Amino acid sequence: MIEQNFLTDDLLAEEEIQKIHDTTMEIFEETGVEVHNDEALQIYADHGARVEGEKVYFDEDLVKEYVGKAPSKFKLHARNPENDVTVGGKGAVLAPGYGAPWVTDSNGNNRDATYEDYVNFTKLASASDNLDVLGGVLVEPTDLADEERHVKMFYAAAKNSDKPLMGSALGKKKARDIIKMSSLLHGEDEIVDDRPVVITLINTTSPLNYDDRMLQALMEHARYNQATVIASLIMAGSTGPITVAGTITLQNVEVLAGVILSQMVNPGAPVVYGSASTIVDLNTGDLAVGSPEYAKFVGATAQLARHYGLPCRGGGSITDSLMVDGQAGYESMMMFNATVNHGMDFVLHSAGLLKNYMAMSYEKFVMDDEILDMVNNYQGGLEVSEDSIDKKAIQHVGHSGHYLKEPSTIKHMKDFRVPALSNRKGFEAEGALVRTYERAHDLCEEILDGFEPPALDPEIDEKLQNHLDEI
């Protein structure tokens, strides 16, 4: 987790946040949100919302009441308590790429993701010192049958990591399967409902819709006190208004409607205000996630979440580039810096993604992990003390000479960050002109070849496998 010690100034003025909020309330009362699930409609109605057919309308008092029940932060538990993380507060909890149907291989070719890829990315995420949470749909393993995909993915993540895990949002049954397996992983035969042991991504269907499967999963997680990230991926100019401000307002309506439902189901259930919204490149019709406009979405989302007292999700090391090249590097660094500096609490897509969420790359994963480590080091700050100023050494060396043999140099010589990937060799050194992509490929293979999963209690492992067999 990256402790956020240095944040950028807020993007929006207080009166601009209030304008977005006021317009959100008007849309809630006048336009409403379509909800395609009878149980959810009944829950809204039972708690005071106006329901007309499949449309739900809210007044401001109801919004304030139920959004106010959501916690501003919560602990997400891992099977190894040393890896527990707090979502909300002053730290960015990092998770790798999510949802990509394709993998870009070492030859630059795009292909369908497989279960082997899923396992490999799980290992890379587990081995990273920077990533805090993994699992869910790291990639979409198209070689597994739909009915077993979610449990096999979870088992791979549980087997290869002792960090907190992500679950499934594909309906009530799949959500329950993962909550049950999460409980088994934590040594409980009954479903855990007293603490969050899994977090799941719930997506809206823009504009102003929630589909049946997502609603089922949202309610199931809320019932058992399991965490959800409720997020919109609105495309400004396509599924949302052409302006960033308009799309942010639409996003606010959609996300708050889901937050309200979670709190109606179970007041205090952990929930994260999420965003993957960005603009559409009107020349191509594609998302533009490596754009400065996307960074503005990140900043505005973080501010809105803070306005409502909610933890927030957005951003990551993302790019529009089709390959691991210079564009992928500068866009990913820009977006990750914006993400951390604007105060995002939960960061999905922190490593591995190419082409606006659509493809994962092994080499990009390793390069992004280097970015995470660099930003983490920067956010660690600068110590100013008698020891670090080192007046004694300055006076001893005086006006000439060097500091190489000074006692303070020997004492602190290992304080500087040592790159895992970046090249600092001179032109004449052996291997100096090996390209970053090739070094990343070699480092990735080294990590996978040397990977050893953390120990898993054999009895728990057997219970997980038995549950797999029951699916």
Protein backbone atom coordinates (compact mmCIF):
# COMPACT_ATOMS: atom_id res chain seq x y z
CA MET A 1 0.00 0.00 0.00
CA ILE A 2 1.29 3.46 -0.90
CA GLU A 3 0.97 6.01 1.88
CA GLN A 4 -0.18 9.23 0.23
CA ASN A 5 1.95 11.94 1.80
CA PHE A 6 1.91 14.41 -1.08
CA LEU A 7 -1.38 15.15 -2.81
CA THR A 8 -2.14 17.55 -5.66
CA ASP A 9 -4.52 20.42 -5.14
CA ASP A 10 -8.19 19.60 -5.61
CA LEU A 11 -9.40 19.81 -9.18
CA LEU A 12 -12.82 21.26 -8.36
CA ALA A 13 -13.84 24.18 -6.19
CA GLU A 14 -16.35 23.56 -3.41
CA GLU A 15 -19.09 25.38 -5.30
CA GLU A 16 -18.47 23.12 -8.33
CA ILE A 17 -18.83 20.00 -6.19
CA GLN A 18 -22.07 21.46 -4.84
CA LYS A 19 -23.32 22.12 -8.38
CA ILE A 20 -22.69 18.49 -9.35
CA HIS A 21 -24.42 17.33 -6.17
CA ASP A 22 -27.46 19.58 -6.73
CA THR A 23 -27.84 18.40 -10.32
CA THR A 24 -27.49 14.79 -9.15
CA MET A 25 -30.39 15.32 -6.75
CA GLU A 26 -32.52 16.82 -9.53
CA ILE A 27 -31.83 13.82 -11.78
CA PHE A 28 -32.67 11.44 -8.92
CA GLU A 29 -36.04 13.15 -8.39
CA GLU A 30 -36.98 13.90 -12.01
CA THR A 31 -35.39 11.14 -14.15
CA GLY A 32 -34.54 8.27 -11.81
CA VAL A 33 -32.50 5.13 -12.38
CA GLU A 34 -33.66 1.95 -14.13
CA VAL A 35 -33.30 -1.15 -11.95
CA HIS A 36 -33.78 -4.54 -13.61
CA ASN A 37 -34.36 -6.72 -10.56
CA ASP A 38 -37.63 -7.19 -8.69
CA GLU A 39 -36.03 -7.78 -5.31
CA ALA A 40 -33.97 -4.60 -5.57
CA LEU A 41 -37.06 -2.63 -6.62
CA GLN A 42 -38.91 -3.91 -3.57
CA ILE A 43 -36.03 -3.02 -1.25
CA TYR A 44 -35.93 0.52 -2.63
CA ALA A 45 -39.70 0.86 -2.22
CA ASP A 46 -39.69 -0.57 1.31
CA HIS A 47 -37.12 2.02 2.37
CA GLY A 48 -38.91 5.08 1.03
CA ALA A 49 -37.82 5.46 -2.59
CA ARG A 50 -40.48 6.16 -5.24
CA VAL A 51 -40.70 3.20 -7.62
CA GLU A 52 -42.58 3.41 -10.93
CA GLY A 53 -42.24 0.27 -12.99
CA GLU A 54 -38.51 -0.35 -13.20
CA LYS A 55 -37.57 3.25 -12.45
CA VAL A 56 -36.49 4.34 -8.98
CA TYR A 57 -36.54 7.95 -7.77
CA PHE A 58 -34.95 9.41 -4.63
CA ASP A 59 -35.33 12.64 -2.70
CA GLU A 60 -32.31 14.32 -1.16
CA ASP A 61 -33.15 13.37 2.42
CA LEU A 62 -33.23 9.68 1.50
CA VAL A 63 -29.90 9.97 -0.38
CA LYS A 64 -28.29 11.71 2.57
CA GLU A 65 -29.64 9.15 5.04
CA TYR A 66 -28.47 6.01 3.26
CA VAL A 67 -25.20 7.27 1.79
CA GLY A 68 -24.40 8.45 5.30
CA LYS A 69 -24.67 4.88 6.62
CA ALA A 70 -21.72 3.66 4.50
CA PRO A 71 -18.34 3.54 6.28
CA SER A 72 -15.61 5.98 5.29
CA LYS A 73 -13.03 3.21 5.61
CA PHE A 74 -12.85 -0.51 6.31
CA LYS A 75 -10.32 -3.28 6.77
CA LEU A 76 -10.10 -5.93 4.05
CA HIS A 77 -8.84 -9.17 5.56
CA ALA A 78 -6.30 -11.58 4.05
CA ARG A 79 -5.68 -15.18 5.11
CA ASN A 80 -2.32 -13.87 6.29
CA PRO A 81 -3.23 -11.07 8.75
CA GLU A 82 0.05 -9.33 7.97
CA ASN A 83 -1.39 -8.58 4.53
CA ASP A 84 -4.65 -7.01 5.75
CA VAL A 85 -5.24 -3.57 4.21
CA THR A 86 -7.41 -0.60 5.10
CA VAL A 87 -9.45 0.85 2.24
CA GLY A 88 -10.00 4.54 2.94
CA GLY A 89 -7.85 6.94 4.89
CA LYS A 90 -4.39 7.91 3.72
CA GLY A 91 -3.23 4.99 1.62
CA ALA A 92 -3.67 3.71 -1.91
CA VAL A 93 -4.50 -0.02 -1.94
CA LEU A 94 -3.25 -1.45 -5.24
CA ALA A 95 -4.68 -4.26 -7.37
CA PRO A 96 -3.48 -5.41 -10.81
CA GLY A 97 -5.28 -5.24 -14.15
CA TYR A 98 -8.80 -6.59 -14.31
CA GLY A 99 -11.19 -7.92 -16.92
CA ALA A 100 -8.99 -8.10 -20.02
CA PRO A 101 -10.17 -10.72 -22.55
CA TRP A 102 -6.83 -10.72 -24.38
CA VAL A 103 -3.16 -11.20 -23.63
CA THR A 104 -0.42 -9.55 -25.65
CA ASP A 105 2.38 -12.10 -25.76
CA SER A 106 6.12 -11.59 -25.89
CA ASN A 107 6.00 -11.40 -29.69
CA GLY A 108 3.45 -8.58 -29.60
CA ASN A 109 0.58 -10.77 -30.78
CA ASN A 110 -2.91 -10.46 -29.32
CA ARG A 111 -4.64 -13.69 -28.33
CA ASP A 112 -7.46 -14.89 -26.10
CA ALA A 113 -6.50 -15.14 -22.41
CA THR A 114 -6.29 -18.63 -20.90
CA TYR A 115 -6.38 -20.13 -17.43
CA GLU A 116 -2.61 -20.56 -17.61
CA ASP A 117 -2.33 -16.79 -18.11
CA TYR A 118 -4.62 -16.25 -15.14
CA VAL A 119 -2.42 -18.41 -12.92
CA ASN A 120 0.74 -16.67 -14.16
CA PHE A 121 -0.61 -13.19 -13.48
CA THR A 122 -1.72 -14.37 -10.05
CA LYS A 123 1.86 -15.41 -9.33
CA LEU A 124 3.27 -12.10 -10.58
CA ALA A 125 0.82 -10.16 -8.41
CA SER A 126 1.58 -12.34 -5.40
CA ALA A 127 5.33 -11.87 -5.86
CA SER A 128 5.04 -8.08 -6.13
CA ASP A 129 5.96 -6.03 -3.06
CA ASN A 130 3.71 -3.25 -4.33
CA LEU A 131 0.39 -4.94 -5.12
CA ASP A 132 -1.95 -5.47 -2.16
CA VAL A 133 -5.03 -7.23 -3.56
CA LEU A 134 -5.49 -9.71 -6.42
CA GLY A 135 -7.95 -12.16 -7.88
CA GLY A 136 -11.29 -11.52 -9.50
CA VAL A 137 -10.94 -11.36 -13.26
CA LEU A 138 -7.22 -10.72 -13.61
CA VAL A 139 -7.79 -11.86 -17.17
CA GLU A 140 -10.81 -13.66 -18.64
CA PRO A 141 -9.76 -17.34 -19.08
CA THR A 142 -11.74 -18.19 -22.19
CA ASP A 143 -10.69 -21.85 -22.13
CA LEU A 144 -12.78 -22.52 -18.98
CA ALA A 145 -16.51 -23.19 -19.01
CA ASP A 146 -18.56 -20.28 -17.71
CA GLU A 147 -20.11 -22.26 -14.84
CA GLU A 148 -16.72 -23.14 -13.33
CA ARG A 149 -14.62 -20.15 -14.34
CA HIS A 150 -15.26 -18.04 -11.23
CA VAL A 151 -14.37 -20.77 -8.70
CA LYS A 152 -11.27 -21.95 -10.54
CA MET A 153 -10.02 -18.39 -10.77
CA PHE A 154 -10.61 -17.88 -7.06
CA TYR A 155 -8.87 -21.14 -6.18
CA ALA A 156 -5.81 -20.15 -8.22
CA ALA A 157 -5.63 -16.82 -6.41
CA ALA A 158 -6.17 -18.44 -3.00
CA LYS A 159 -3.54 -21.10 -3.68
CA ASN A 160 -0.86 -18.73 -4.98
CA SER A 161 -1.29 -15.76 -2.65
CA ASP A 162 -2.03 -14.90 0.95
CA LYS A 163 -3.10 -11.33 0.11
CA PRO A 164 -6.72 -10.11 0.14
CA LEU A 165 -8.75 -11.39 -2.81
CA MET A 166 -11.42 -10.20 -5.22
CA GLY A 167 -14.60 -12.11 -6.01
CA SER A 168 -17.32 -12.51 -8.62
CA ALA A 169 -20.14 -10.13 -9.58
CA LEU A 170 -21.89 -12.46 -12.02
CA GLY A 171 -25.14 -13.06 -10.20
CA LYS A 172 -26.23 -14.32 -6.79
CA LYS A 173 -24.98 -17.91 -7.07
CA LYS A 174 -21.49 -17.03 -8.23
CA ALA A 175 -21.20 -14.30 -5.63
CA ARG A 176 -22.29 -16.77 -2.93
CA ASP A 177 -19.81 -19.40 -4.21
CA ILE A 178 -16.92 -16.98 -3.80
CA ILE A 179 -18.08 -15.68 -0.42
CA LYS A 180 -18.30 -19.31 0.74
CA MET A 181 -14.81 -20.12 -0.58
CA SER A 182 -13.45 -16.94 1.01
CA SER A 183 -14.90 -18.07 4.32
CA LEU A 184 -13.33 -21.52 3.96
CA LEU A 185 -10.02 -19.88 3.12
CA HIS A 186 -10.21 -17.99 6.41
CA GLY A 187 -10.83 -21.20 8.33
CA GLU A 188 -14.59 -20.76 8.74
CA ASP A 189 -17.07 -23.45 7.71
CA GLU A 190 -19.97 -21.01 7.89
CA ILE A 191 -20.15 -17.94 5.68
CA VAL A 192 -18.27 -15.04 7.25
CA ASP A 193 -20.46 -11.99 7.82
CA ASP A 194 -18.64 -10.13 10.60
CA ARG A 195 -15.72 -8.84 8.54
CA PRO A 196 -14.89 -8.25 4.85
CA VAL A 197 -12.84 -11.17 3.45
CA VAL A 198 -13.45 -10.46 -0.24
CA ILE A 199 -14.08 -7.38 -2.41
CA THR A 200 -15.97 -7.40 -5.69
CA LEU A 201 -16.42 -5.00 -8.60
CA ILE A 202 -20.03 -4.06 -9.42
CA ASN A 203 -20.52 -2.16 -12.68
CA THR A 204 -23.43 0.03 -13.66
CA THR A 205 -24.89 -0.14 -17.17
CA SER A 206 -24.71 3.39 -18.48
CA PRO A 207 -26.66 5.48 -18.88
CA LEU A 208 -28.74 5.19 -15.69
CA ASN A 209 -29.17 1.41 -15.55
CA TYR A 210 -28.33 -1.54 -13.30
CA ASP A 211 -28.61 -5.03 -14.77
CA ASP A 212 -29.98 -8.09 -12.97
CA ARG A 213 -26.72 -9.99 -12.39
CA MET A 214 -24.85 -7.04 -10.94
CA LEU A 215 -27.74 -6.22 -8.64
CA GLN A 216 -27.91 -9.81 -7.40
CA ALA A 217 -24.20 -9.79 -6.60
CA LEU A 218 -24.34 -6.35 -4.98
CA MET A 219 -27.14 -7.41 -2.64
CA GLU A 220 -25.49 -10.75 -1.81
CA HIS A 221 -22.25 -9.08 -0.82
CA ALA A 222 -24.04 -6.45 1.24
CA ARG A 223 -26.03 -9.13 3.13
CA TYR A 224 -22.84 -10.85 4.22
CA ASN A 225 -20.96 -7.62 4.97
CA GLN A 226 -18.57 -8.20 2.08
CA ALA A 227 -17.05 -5.26 0.23
CA THR A 228 -18.12 -3.95 -3.15
CA VAL A 229 -16.66 -1.40 -5.51
CA ILE A 230 -19.63 0.20 -7.28
CA ALA A 231 -18.33 1.75 -10.47
CA SER A 232 -19.42 3.35 -13.71
CA LEU A 233 -17.53 3.12 -16.98
CA ILE A 234 -19.20 5.95 -18.86
CA MET A 235 -17.82 7.01 -22.23
CA ALA A 236 -18.12 10.78 -22.54
CA GLY A 237 -19.62 11.46 -25.95
CA SER A 238 -21.11 7.97 -26.28
CA THR A 239 -22.84 6.58 -23.18
CA GLY A 240 -22.55 9.90 -21.38
CA PRO A 241 -22.54 13.63 -22.12
CA ILE A 242 -19.66 14.91 -24.24
CA THR A 243 -18.36 17.06 -21.38
CA VAL A 244 -16.31 15.74 -18.47
CA ALA A 245 -18.53 17.62 -16.00
CA GLY A 246 -21.70 16.13 -17.50
CA THR A 247 -20.35 12.59 -17.42
CA ILE A 248 -19.08 13.03 -13.87
CA THR A 249 -22.59 14.09 -12.85
CA LEU A 250 -24.16 11.09 -14.60
CA GLN A 251 -21.61 8.83 -12.91
CA ASN A 252 -22.49 10.33 -9.54
CA VAL A 253 -26.16 9.42 -10.02
CA GLU A 254 -25.35 5.85 -11.03
CA VAL A 255 -22.83 5.11 -8.29
CA LEU A 256 -24.84 6.65 -5.46
CA ALA A 257 -27.90 4.60 -6.48
CA GLY A 258 -25.85 1.44 -5.89
CA VAL A 259 -24.40 2.73 -2.62
CA ILE A 260 -27.91 3.46 -1.39
CA LEU A 261 -29.09 -0.08 -2.23
CA SER A 262 -26.15 -1.64 -0.39
CA GLN A 263 -26.98 0.34 2.74
CA MET A 264 -30.68 -0.46 2.52
CA VAL A 265 -29.76 -4.15 2.45
CA ASN A 266 -27.26 -3.89 5.30
CA PRO A 267 -26.44 -0.53 6.92
CA GLY A 268 -22.68 -0.20 7.30
CA ALA A 269 -21.81 -2.71 4.56
CA PRO A 270 -18.39 -1.73 3.12
CA VAL A 271 -18.64 -0.01 -0.24
CA VAL A 272 -16.30 1.96 -2.49
CA TYR A 273 -17.31 4.79 -4.84
CA GLY A 274 -15.80 3.66 -8.14
CA SER A 275 -15.06 5.06 -11.58
CA ALA A 276 -13.55 3.85 -14.82
CA SER A 277 -15.21 6.62 -16.85
CA THR A 278 -13.33 8.53 -19.51
CA ILE A 279 -13.76 10.21 -22.88
CA VAL A 280 -14.27 8.65 -26.29
CA ASP A 281 -11.77 9.47 -29.01
CA LEU A 282 -14.22 10.69 -31.63
CA ASN A 283 -11.78 9.87 -34.43
CA THR A 284 -11.78 6.15 -33.57
CA GLY A 285 -14.78 5.56 -31.28
CA ASP A 286 -12.44 4.01 -28.69
CA LEU A 287 -11.98 4.87 -25.03
CA ALA A 288 -9.08 7.17 -24.26
CA VAL A 289 -7.65 6.15 -20.88
CA GLY A 290 -4.16 7.50 -21.46
CA SER A 291 -5.53 11.04 -21.76
CA PRO A 292 -5.33 14.11 -19.53
CA GLU A 293 -9.13 14.11 -19.50
CA TYR A 294 -9.06 10.71 -17.80
CA ALA A 295 -6.80 12.21 -15.13
CA LYS A 296 -9.48 14.86 -14.61
CA PHE A 297 -12.07 12.12 -14.10
CA VAL A 298 -9.78 10.62 -11.46
CA GLY A 299 -9.43 13.90 -9.60
CA ALA A 300 -13.13 14.75 -9.74
CA THR A 301 -14.16 11.23 -8.66
CA ALA A 302 -11.85 11.33 -5.65
CA GLN A 303 -13.28 14.69 -4.58
CA LEU A 304 -16.88 13.57 -4.96
CA ALA A 305 -16.23 10.44 -2.93
CA ARG A 306 -14.68 12.51 -0.16
CA HIS A 307 -17.68 14.85 -0.30
CA TYR A 308 -19.94 11.89 0.55
CA GLY A 309 -17.51 10.38 3.06
CA LEU A 310 -16.83 7.30 0.93
CA PRO A 311 -13.60 5.54 -0.07
CA CYS A 312 -12.93 5.83 -3.79
CA ARG A 313 -11.61 3.72 -6.67
CA GLY A 314 -10.20 4.81 -10.02
CA GLY A 315 -7.15 5.25 -12.19
CA GLY A 316 -4.17 2.92 -12.39
CA SER A 317 -1.21 2.33 -14.71
CA ILE A 318 -3.30 2.44 -17.86
CA THR A 319 -2.67 3.32 -21.46
CA ASP A 320 -4.22 3.38 -24.91
CA SER A 321 -1.10 1.90 -26.47
CA LEU A 322 -1.42 -1.41 -28.32
CA MET A 323 2.09 -2.48 -27.35
CA VAL A 324 4.72 -2.09 -24.64
CA ASP A 325 6.41 1.03 -25.96
CA GLY A 326 7.20 4.60 -25.03
CA GLN A 327 3.52 5.62 -25.19
CA ALA A 328 2.60 2.85 -22.76
CA GLY A 329 5.30 4.10 -20.40
CA TYR A 330 4.52 7.81 -20.33
CA GLU A 331 0.74 7.37 -20.24
CA SER A 332 0.92 4.79 -17.45
CA MET A 333 3.23 6.94 -15.34
CA MET A 334 1.01 10.00 -15.87
CA MET A 335 -2.13 8.12 -14.92
CA PHE A 336 -0.65 6.35 -11.89
CA ASN A 337 0.81 9.60 -10.56
CA ALA A 338 -2.57 11.31 -10.97
CA THR A 339 -4.25 8.38 -9.23
CA VAL A 340 -2.04 8.50 -6.16
CA ASN A 341 -1.73 12.27 -6.02
CA HIS A 342 -5.51 12.81 -6.14
CA GLY A 343 -5.99 10.43 -3.21
CA MET A 344 -7.57 7.31 -4.70
CA ASP A 345 -8.10 4.67 -2.00
CA PHE A 346 -8.49 1.50 -4.08
CA VAL A 347 -6.64 1.29 -7.38
CA LEU A 348 -7.71 -1.38 -9.81
CA HIS A 349 -5.64 -1.66 -13.03
CA SER A 350 -2.33 -0.87 -11.30
CA ALA A 351 -0.29 -3.26 -13.46
CA GLY A 352 -0.29 -5.02 -16.79
CA LEU A 353 -2.91 -3.39 -18.98
CA LEU A 354 -2.67 -2.26 -22.58
CA LYS A 355 -5.31 -0.85 -24.95
CA ASN A 356 -7.81 0.71 -22.52
CA TYR A 357 -8.55 -2.28 -20.32
CA MET A 358 -8.66 -4.80 -23.18
CA ALA A 359 -5.31 -6.64 -23.05
CA MET A 360 -2.81 -7.76 -20.42
CA SER A 361 0.90 -8.01 -21.06
CA TYR A 362 3.48 -9.89 -19.01
CA GLU A 363 6.18 -7.37 -19.85
CA LYS A 364 3.91 -4.39 -19.13
CA PHE A 365 3.05 -5.96 -15.76
CA VAL A 366 6.71 -5.97 -14.74
CA MET A 367 7.27 -2.44 -16.08
CA ASP A 368 4.23 -1.14 -14.19
CA ASP A 369 5.47 -2.76 -10.99
CA GLU A 370 8.61 -0.65 -11.40
CA ILE A 371 6.41 2.45 -11.72
CA LEU A 372 4.52 1.52 -8.54
CA ASP A 373 7.76 1.11 -6.63
CA MET A 374 9.14 4.44 -7.87
CA VAL A 375 6.00 6.35 -6.88
CA ASN A 376 5.91 4.54 -3.55
CA ASN A 377 9.48 5.65 -2.88
CA TYR A 378 8.64 9.25 -3.79
CA GLN A 379 5.55 9.27 -1.56
CA GLY A 380 7.76 8.06 1.30
CA GLY A 381 9.00 11.63 1.57
CA LEU A 382 12.28 13.19 2.62
CA GLU A 383 13.72 13.01 6.11
CA VAL A 384 15.25 16.22 7.42
CA SER A 385 17.12 15.70 10.68
CA GLU A 386 20.52 16.29 12.25
CA ASP A 387 21.57 12.88 10.98
CA SER A 388 20.33 13.36 7.42
CA ILE A 389 21.65 16.92 7.04
CA ASP A 390 25.03 15.62 8.22
CA LYS A 391 26.72 18.91 9.03
CA LYS A 392 29.74 17.03 10.37
CA ALA A 393 30.47 15.42 7.00
CA ILE A 394 29.97 18.70 5.12
CA GLN A 395 32.49 20.45 7.36
CA HIS A 396 34.94 17.54 7.29
CA VAL A 397 35.07 17.34 3.47
CA GLY A 398 35.13 21.10 3.18
CA HIS A 399 35.79 22.79 -0.16
CA SER A 400 37.31 19.86 -2.03
CA GLY A 401 37.52 16.11 -1.81
CA HIS A 402 34.65 13.62 -1.82
CA TYR A 403 32.20 11.85 0.47
CA LEU A 404 32.85 8.28 -0.60
CA LYS A 405 34.72 7.31 2.56
CA GLU A 406 32.66 9.32 5.03
CA PRO A 407 31.11 7.22 7.86
CA SER A 408 27.66 8.59 6.96
CA THR A 409 28.07 7.36 3.39
CA ILE A 410 28.84 3.86 4.63
CA LYS A 411 25.92 4.07 7.06
CA HIS A 412 23.35 5.16 4.49
CA MET A 413 24.72 3.65 1.28
CA LYS A 414 21.79 1.22 1.02
CA ASP A 415 19.10 3.85 1.59
CA PHE A 416 18.65 4.69 -2.09
CA ARG A 417 16.11 2.66 -4.03
CA VAL A 418 17.71 0.04 -6.28
CA PRO A 419 15.74 -0.48 -9.54
CA ALA A 420 14.47 -3.95 -10.27
CA LEU A 421 14.14 -3.22 -13.99
CA SER A 422 15.51 0.17 -14.98
CA ASN A 423 18.97 0.37 -16.59
CA ARG A 424 21.60 2.70 -15.13
CA LYS A 425 24.64 1.19 -16.83
CA GLY A 426 27.07 3.12 -18.98
CA PHE A 427 27.15 2.64 -22.75
CA GLU A 428 30.14 0.30 -22.58
CA ALA A 429 28.81 -2.04 -19.90
CA GLU A 430 27.78 -5.57 -20.83
CA GLY A 431 24.08 -5.69 -21.68
CA ALA A 432 23.78 -1.91 -21.50
CA LEU A 433 21.80 -1.62 -24.75
CA VAL A 434 19.25 -4.35 -24.03
CA ARG A 435 15.83 -2.74 -24.46
CA THR A 436 13.48 -2.33 -21.51
CA TYR A 437 10.94 -4.68 -23.07
CA GLU A 438 13.51 -7.47 -23.30
CA ARG A 439 14.68 -6.89 -19.73
CA ALA A 440 11.06 -6.99 -18.57
CA HIS A 441 10.51 -10.26 -20.43
CA ASP A 442 13.54 -11.83 -18.77
CA LEU A 443 12.58 -10.56 -15.31
CA CYS A 444 9.04 -11.88 -15.73
CA GLU A 445 10.33 -15.35 -16.62
CA GLU A 446 12.70 -15.22 -13.65
CA ILE A 447 9.84 -14.39 -11.26
CA LEU A 448 7.58 -17.14 -12.63
CA ASP A 449 10.34 -19.75 -12.67
CA GLY A 450 11.30 -19.01 -9.07
CA PHE A 451 7.80 -18.56 -7.69
CA GLU A 452 6.89 -20.45 -4.53
CA PRO A 453 3.31 -20.09 -3.29
CA PRO A 454 2.77 -19.25 0.39
CA ALA A 455 1.88 -22.23 2.56
CA LEU A 456 -1.81 -23.12 2.66
CA ASP A 457 -3.25 -25.29 5.43
CA PRO A 458 -3.85 -28.74 3.81
CA GLU A 459 -7.24 -29.06 5.51
CA ILE A 460 -8.37 -25.71 4.11
CA ASP A 461 -6.99 -26.64 0.71
CA GLU A 462 -9.00 -29.87 0.75
CA LYS A 463 -12.19 -28.01 1.66
CA LEU A 464 -11.66 -25.55 -1.19
CA GLN A 465 -11.10 -28.37 -3.66
CA ASN A 466 -14.20 -30.18 -2.39
CA HIS A 467 -16.20 -27.02 -2.97
CA LEU A 468 -14.81 -26.85 -6.51
CA ASP A 469 -16.04 -30.39 -7.13
CA GLU A 470 -19.55 -29.43 -5.99
CA ILE A 471 -19.93 -26.67 -8.57
